[in-house]
Amino acid sequence: MNALEQLAATIEARKGADPDTSWTAKLLSKGPEKCAEKFGEEAVEAIIEAVKGDQAALTNEAADVLYHLLVMLASRDVALADVLAELARREGVSGIEEKAGR
């Protein structure tokens, strides 16, 4: 199991945890809309660091983005495995071709 899969499993396990003792449970208790909002905030912070060119800060923000993406997915019961399967399905297909097929 890689780090991303382990993080997804931890997030899933925290779904029923006490929001007073788990940041993940606290986010999830606020509902999918709040999880999506937090993901968006983190994505903007990553964009800012990418523009600034600070690799260390971008690395930290990218980790936050991945965490909050997984929380958002969990809030809507979308499994990381399903996202990975979709990526695998797209492997070897031109991005232009894939978009045209939607």
N, C-alpha and C. Protein backbone atom coordinates (compact mmCIF):
# COMPACT_ATOMS: atom_id res chain seq x y z
N MET A 1 0.85 -1.17 0.00
CA MET A 1 0.00 0.00 0.00
C MET A 1 0.90 1.24 0.00
N ASN A 2 0.65 2.15 -0.95
CA ASN A 2 1.45 3.37 -1.00
C ASN A 2 0.90 4.43 -0.04
N ALA A 3 1.60 5.54 0.08
CA ALA A 3 1.23 6.58 1.04
C ALA A 3 -0.16 7.15 0.77
N LEU A 4 -0.51 7.32 -0.50
CA LEU A 4 -1.83 7.86 -0.84
C LEU A 4 -2.94 6.89 -0.47
N GLU A 5 -2.72 5.61 -0.75
CA GLU A 5 -3.72 4.59 -0.38
C GLU A 5 -3.85 4.49 1.13
N GLN A 6 -2.73 4.59 1.85
CA GLN A 6 -2.77 4.55 3.31
C GLN A 6 -3.54 5.75 3.86
N LEU A 7 -3.29 6.93 3.29
CA LEU A 7 -4.01 8.13 3.72
C LEU A 7 -5.51 7.98 3.47
N ALA A 8 -5.88 7.46 2.30
CA ALA A 8 -7.30 7.25 1.99
C ALA A 8 -7.93 6.28 2.99
N ALA A 9 -7.20 5.24 3.36
CA ALA A 9 -7.72 4.27 4.34
C ALA A 9 -7.88 4.93 5.71
N THR A 10 -6.95 5.76 6.08
CA THR A 10 -7.04 6.46 7.37
C THR A 10 -8.24 7.40 7.38
N ILE A 11 -8.44 8.12 6.30
CA ILE A 11 -9.59 9.03 6.19
C ILE A 11 -10.88 8.24 6.30
N GLU A 12 -10.95 7.13 5.61
CA GLU A 12 -12.15 6.29 5.66
C GLU A 12 -12.41 5.81 7.10
N ALA A 13 -11.35 5.43 7.79
CA ALA A 13 -11.49 4.95 9.17
C ALA A 13 -11.95 6.06 10.12
N ARG A 14 -11.66 7.29 9.78
CA ARG A 14 -12.02 8.42 10.65
C ARG A 14 -13.44 8.91 10.42
N LYS A 15 -14.14 8.35 9.46
CA LYS A 15 -15.51 8.80 9.18
C LYS A 15 -16.39 8.77 10.42
N GLY A 16 -16.23 7.78 11.24
CA GLY A 16 -17.08 7.67 12.42
C GLY A 16 -16.43 8.16 13.70
N ALA A 17 -15.28 8.78 13.58
CA ALA A 17 -14.55 9.22 14.77
C ALA A 17 -15.18 10.48 15.37
N ASP A 18 -14.75 10.80 16.57
CA ASP A 18 -15.22 11.97 17.30
C ASP A 18 -14.62 13.23 16.68
N PRO A 19 -15.45 14.15 16.21
CA PRO A 19 -14.94 15.39 15.62
C PRO A 19 -14.10 16.25 16.57
N ASP A 20 -14.23 16.01 17.87
CA ASP A 20 -13.42 16.75 18.84
C ASP A 20 -12.00 16.21 18.96
N THR A 21 -11.78 15.01 18.43
CA THR A 21 -10.45 14.40 18.55
C THR A 21 -9.78 14.13 17.21
N SER A 22 -10.48 14.38 16.09
CA SER A 22 -9.94 14.09 14.77
C SER A 22 -10.28 15.22 13.81
N TRP A 23 -9.24 15.84 13.22
CA TRP A 23 -9.45 16.89 12.24
C TRP A 23 -10.24 16.35 11.05
N THR A 24 -9.92 15.15 10.61
CA THR A 24 -10.62 14.54 9.49
C THR A 24 -12.09 14.36 9.81
N ALA A 25 -12.39 13.82 10.99
CA ALA A 25 -13.78 13.64 11.39
C ALA A 25 -14.50 14.98 11.48
N LYS A 26 -13.79 16.00 11.95
CA LYS A 26 -14.38 17.34 12.05
C LYS A 26 -14.76 17.86 10.66
N LEU A 27 -13.85 17.72 9.70
CA LEU A 27 -14.15 18.15 8.33
C LEU A 27 -15.34 17.38 7.76
N LEU A 28 -15.31 16.07 7.91
CA LEU A 28 -16.38 15.23 7.37
C LEU A 28 -17.73 15.54 8.01
N SER A 29 -17.72 15.90 9.29
CA SER A 29 -18.97 16.20 10.00
C SER A 29 -19.62 17.47 9.48
N LYS A 30 -18.85 18.30 8.81
CA LYS A 30 -19.39 19.56 8.27
C LYS A 30 -20.06 19.38 6.91
N GLY A 31 -19.93 18.19 6.34
CA GLY A 31 -20.62 17.88 5.10
C GLY A 31 -19.77 18.06 3.86
N PRO A 32 -20.24 17.48 2.75
CA PRO A 32 -19.50 17.52 1.49
C PRO A 32 -19.21 18.92 0.97
N GLU A 33 -20.14 19.83 1.19
CA GLU A 33 -19.95 21.19 0.67
C GLU A 33 -18.75 21.85 1.35
N LYS A 34 -18.63 21.71 2.67
CA LYS A 34 -17.51 22.29 3.40
C LYS A 34 -16.21 21.61 3.01
N CYS A 35 -16.25 20.28 2.80
CA CYS A 35 -15.06 19.55 2.36
C CYS A 35 -14.60 20.06 1.00
N ALA A 36 -15.54 20.32 0.11
CA ALA A 36 -15.21 20.84 -1.22
C ALA A 36 -14.64 22.25 -1.11
N GLU A 37 -15.22 23.06 -0.25
CA GLU A 37 -14.71 24.42 -0.05
C GLU A 37 -13.27 24.39 0.46
N LYS A 38 -13.00 23.52 1.41
CA LYS A 38 -11.64 23.42 1.97
C LYS A 38 -10.66 22.94 0.91
N PHE A 39 -11.08 21.99 0.09
CA PHE A 39 -10.23 21.52 -1.01
C PHE A 39 -9.90 22.69 -1.94
N GLY A 40 -10.90 23.49 -2.28
CA GLY A 40 -10.68 24.64 -3.14
C GLY A 40 -9.69 25.63 -2.55
N GLU A 41 -9.81 25.89 -1.25
CA GLU A 41 -8.88 26.80 -0.58
C GLU A 41 -7.44 26.28 -0.68
N GLU A 42 -7.28 25.01 -0.44
CA GLU A 42 -5.94 24.41 -0.49
C GLU A 42 -5.38 24.43 -1.91
N ALA A 43 -6.24 24.20 -2.90
CA ALA A 43 -5.80 24.24 -4.29
C ALA A 43 -5.30 25.64 -4.66
N VAL A 44 -6.01 26.66 -4.21
CA VAL A 44 -5.58 28.03 -4.48
C VAL A 44 -4.22 28.30 -3.82
N GLU A 45 -4.05 27.84 -2.59
CA GLU A 45 -2.77 28.02 -1.91
C GLU A 45 -1.63 27.34 -2.68
N ALA A 46 -1.90 26.17 -3.24
CA ALA A 46 -0.88 25.48 -4.04
C ALA A 46 -0.57 26.26 -5.32
N ILE A 47 -1.59 26.82 -5.93
CA ILE A 47 -1.38 27.63 -7.13
C ILE A 47 -0.48 28.83 -6.82
N ILE A 48 -0.75 29.48 -5.71
CA ILE A 48 0.05 30.64 -5.31
C ILE A 48 1.51 30.25 -5.14
N GLU A 49 1.77 29.13 -4.47
CA GLU A 49 3.15 28.69 -4.27
C GLU A 49 3.81 28.28 -5.58
N ALA A 50 3.03 27.71 -6.49
CA ALA A 50 3.59 27.34 -7.80
C ALA A 50 4.01 28.59 -8.57
N VAL A 51 3.20 29.63 -8.50
CA VAL A 51 3.53 30.88 -9.18
C VAL A 51 4.76 31.53 -8.55
N LYS A 52 4.84 31.46 -7.22
CA LYS A 52 5.98 32.06 -6.51
C LYS A 52 7.27 31.29 -6.76
N GLY A 53 7.15 30.01 -7.06
CA GLY A 53 8.33 29.19 -7.35
C GLY A 53 9.03 28.63 -6.13
N ASP A 54 8.36 28.62 -5.00
CA ASP A 54 8.95 28.08 -3.77
C ASP A 54 8.65 26.58 -3.72
N GLN A 55 9.65 25.77 -4.05
CA GLN A 55 9.44 24.32 -4.14
C GLN A 55 9.02 23.69 -2.82
N ALA A 56 9.65 24.09 -1.73
CA ALA A 56 9.30 23.51 -0.43
C ALA A 56 7.87 23.86 -0.04
N ALA A 57 7.48 25.12 -0.24
CA ALA A 57 6.12 25.53 0.09
C ALA A 57 5.11 24.83 -0.83
N LEU A 58 5.46 24.70 -2.11
CA LEU A 58 4.57 24.01 -3.04
C LEU A 58 4.42 22.54 -2.65
N THR A 59 5.49 21.92 -2.24
CA THR A 59 5.43 20.52 -1.80
C THR A 59 4.46 20.37 -0.62
N ASN A 60 4.57 21.28 0.35
CA ASN A 60 3.67 21.23 1.51
C ASN A 60 2.22 21.47 1.10
N GLU A 61 2.01 22.44 0.24
CA GLU A 61 0.64 22.73 -0.20
C GLU A 61 0.08 21.60 -1.05
N ALA A 62 0.93 20.98 -1.86
CA ALA A 62 0.47 19.83 -2.67
C ALA A 62 0.02 18.68 -1.77
N ALA A 63 0.75 18.47 -0.68
CA ALA A 63 0.34 17.43 0.28
C ALA A 63 -1.03 17.78 0.87
N ASP A 64 -1.23 19.06 1.21
CA ASP A 64 -2.53 19.49 1.72
C ASP A 64 -3.63 19.27 0.69
N VAL A 65 -3.33 19.58 -0.58
CA VAL A 65 -4.32 19.40 -1.65
C VAL A 65 -4.72 17.93 -1.76
N LEU A 66 -3.74 17.04 -1.76
CA LEU A 66 -4.05 15.61 -1.86
C LEU A 66 -4.89 15.14 -0.68
N TYR A 67 -4.52 15.57 0.52
CA TYR A 67 -5.29 15.20 1.71
C TYR A 67 -6.74 15.69 1.57
N HIS A 68 -6.91 16.95 1.23
CA HIS A 68 -8.26 17.51 1.17
C HIS A 68 -9.05 16.96 -0.01
N LEU A 69 -8.38 16.57 -1.09
CA LEU A 69 -9.06 15.89 -2.19
C LEU A 69 -9.63 14.56 -1.69
N LEU A 70 -8.81 13.82 -0.96
CA LEU A 70 -9.27 12.52 -0.44
C LEU A 70 -10.41 12.69 0.56
N VAL A 71 -10.36 13.74 1.38
CA VAL A 71 -11.46 14.00 2.32
C VAL A 71 -12.73 14.33 1.54
N MET A 72 -12.60 15.16 0.51
CA MET A 72 -13.76 15.52 -0.31
C MET A 72 -14.35 14.28 -0.98
N LEU A 73 -13.49 13.43 -1.52
CA LEU A 73 -13.98 12.19 -2.14
C LEU A 73 -14.69 11.32 -1.11
N ALA A 74 -14.11 11.19 0.08
CA ALA A 74 -14.71 10.37 1.13
C ALA A 74 -16.06 10.93 1.56
N SER A 75 -16.19 12.25 1.54
CA SER A 75 -17.46 12.87 1.94
C SER A 75 -18.59 12.51 0.99
N ARG A 76 -18.23 12.12 -0.22
CA ARG A 76 -19.22 11.71 -1.23
C ARG A 76 -19.13 10.21 -1.55
N ASP A 77 -18.43 9.48 -0.69
CA ASP A 77 -18.29 8.01 -0.84
C ASP A 77 -17.70 7.60 -2.19
N VAL A 78 -16.73 8.38 -2.65
CA VAL A 78 -15.98 8.03 -3.86
C VAL A 78 -14.63 7.47 -3.41
N ALA A 79 -14.36 6.24 -3.77
CA ALA A 79 -13.14 5.56 -3.33
C ALA A 79 -11.95 5.96 -4.20
N LEU A 80 -10.80 6.07 -3.56
CA LEU A 80 -9.56 6.33 -4.30
C LEU A 80 -9.37 5.26 -5.37
N ALA A 81 -9.71 4.03 -5.08
CA ALA A 81 -9.56 2.94 -6.05
C ALA A 81 -10.35 3.23 -7.32
N ASP A 82 -11.51 3.84 -7.19
CA ASP A 82 -12.32 4.18 -8.37
C ASP A 82 -11.65 5.27 -9.20
N VAL A 83 -11.05 6.25 -8.51
CA VAL A 83 -10.34 7.31 -9.22
C VAL A 83 -9.13 6.73 -9.94
N LEU A 84 -8.40 5.85 -9.25
CA LEU A 84 -7.23 5.22 -9.87
C LEU A 84 -7.63 4.35 -11.06
N ALA A 85 -8.77 3.68 -10.95
CA ALA A 85 -9.26 2.87 -12.08
C ALA A 85 -9.60 3.76 -13.28
N GLU A 86 -10.16 4.92 -13.01
CA GLU A 86 -10.47 5.85 -14.10
C GLU A 86 -9.19 6.35 -14.76
N LEU A 87 -8.19 6.65 -13.95
CA LEU A 87 -6.90 7.06 -14.52
C LEU A 87 -6.29 5.94 -15.37
N ALA A 88 -6.39 4.71 -14.88
CA ALA A 88 -5.86 3.57 -15.64
C ALA A 88 -6.61 3.41 -16.96
N ARG A 89 -7.92 3.63 -16.93
CA ARG A 89 -8.72 3.53 -18.15
C ARG A 89 -8.26 4.55 -19.18
N ARG A 90 -7.84 5.71 -18.71
CA ARG A 90 -7.42 6.79 -19.61
C ARG A 90 -5.98 6.64 -20.10
N GLU A 91 -5.23 5.74 -19.49
CA GLU A 91 -3.82 5.56 -19.85
C GLU A 91 -3.69 5.25 -21.34
N GLY A 92 -2.80 5.96 -21.99
CA GLY A 92 -2.53 5.73 -23.40
C GLY A 92 -3.52 6.40 -24.34
N VAL A 93 -4.47 7.14 -23.79
CA VAL A 93 -5.44 7.85 -24.61
C VAL A 93 -5.06 9.32 -24.61
N SER A 94 -5.00 9.91 -25.76
CA SER A 94 -4.70 11.33 -25.87
C SER A 94 -5.70 12.14 -25.07
N GLY A 95 -5.21 13.16 -24.37
CA GLY A 95 -6.10 14.03 -23.61
C GLY A 95 -7.14 14.70 -24.49
N ILE A 96 -6.75 15.05 -25.68
CA ILE A 96 -7.68 15.67 -26.63
C ILE A 96 -8.75 14.66 -27.03
N GLU A 97 -8.33 13.45 -27.29
CA GLU A 97 -9.27 12.38 -27.68
C GLU A 97 -10.20 12.04 -26.51
N GLU A 98 -9.64 11.95 -25.31
CA GLU A 98 -10.44 11.60 -24.14
C GLU A 98 -11.50 12.66 -23.89
N LYS A 99 -11.15 13.93 -23.95
CA LYS A 99 -12.11 15.01 -23.72
C LYS A 99 -13.20 15.01 -24.78
N ALA A 100 -12.86 14.71 -26.02
CA ALA A 100 -13.83 14.68 -27.11
C ALA A 100 -14.85 13.57 -26.89
N GLY A 101 -14.44 12.51 -26.18
CA GLY A 101 -15.34 11.39 -25.94
C GLY A 101 -16.30 11.58 -24.79
N ARG A 102 -16.19 12.68 -24.10
CA ARG A 102 -17.10 12.92 -22.96
C ARG A 102 -18.41 13.49 -23.41
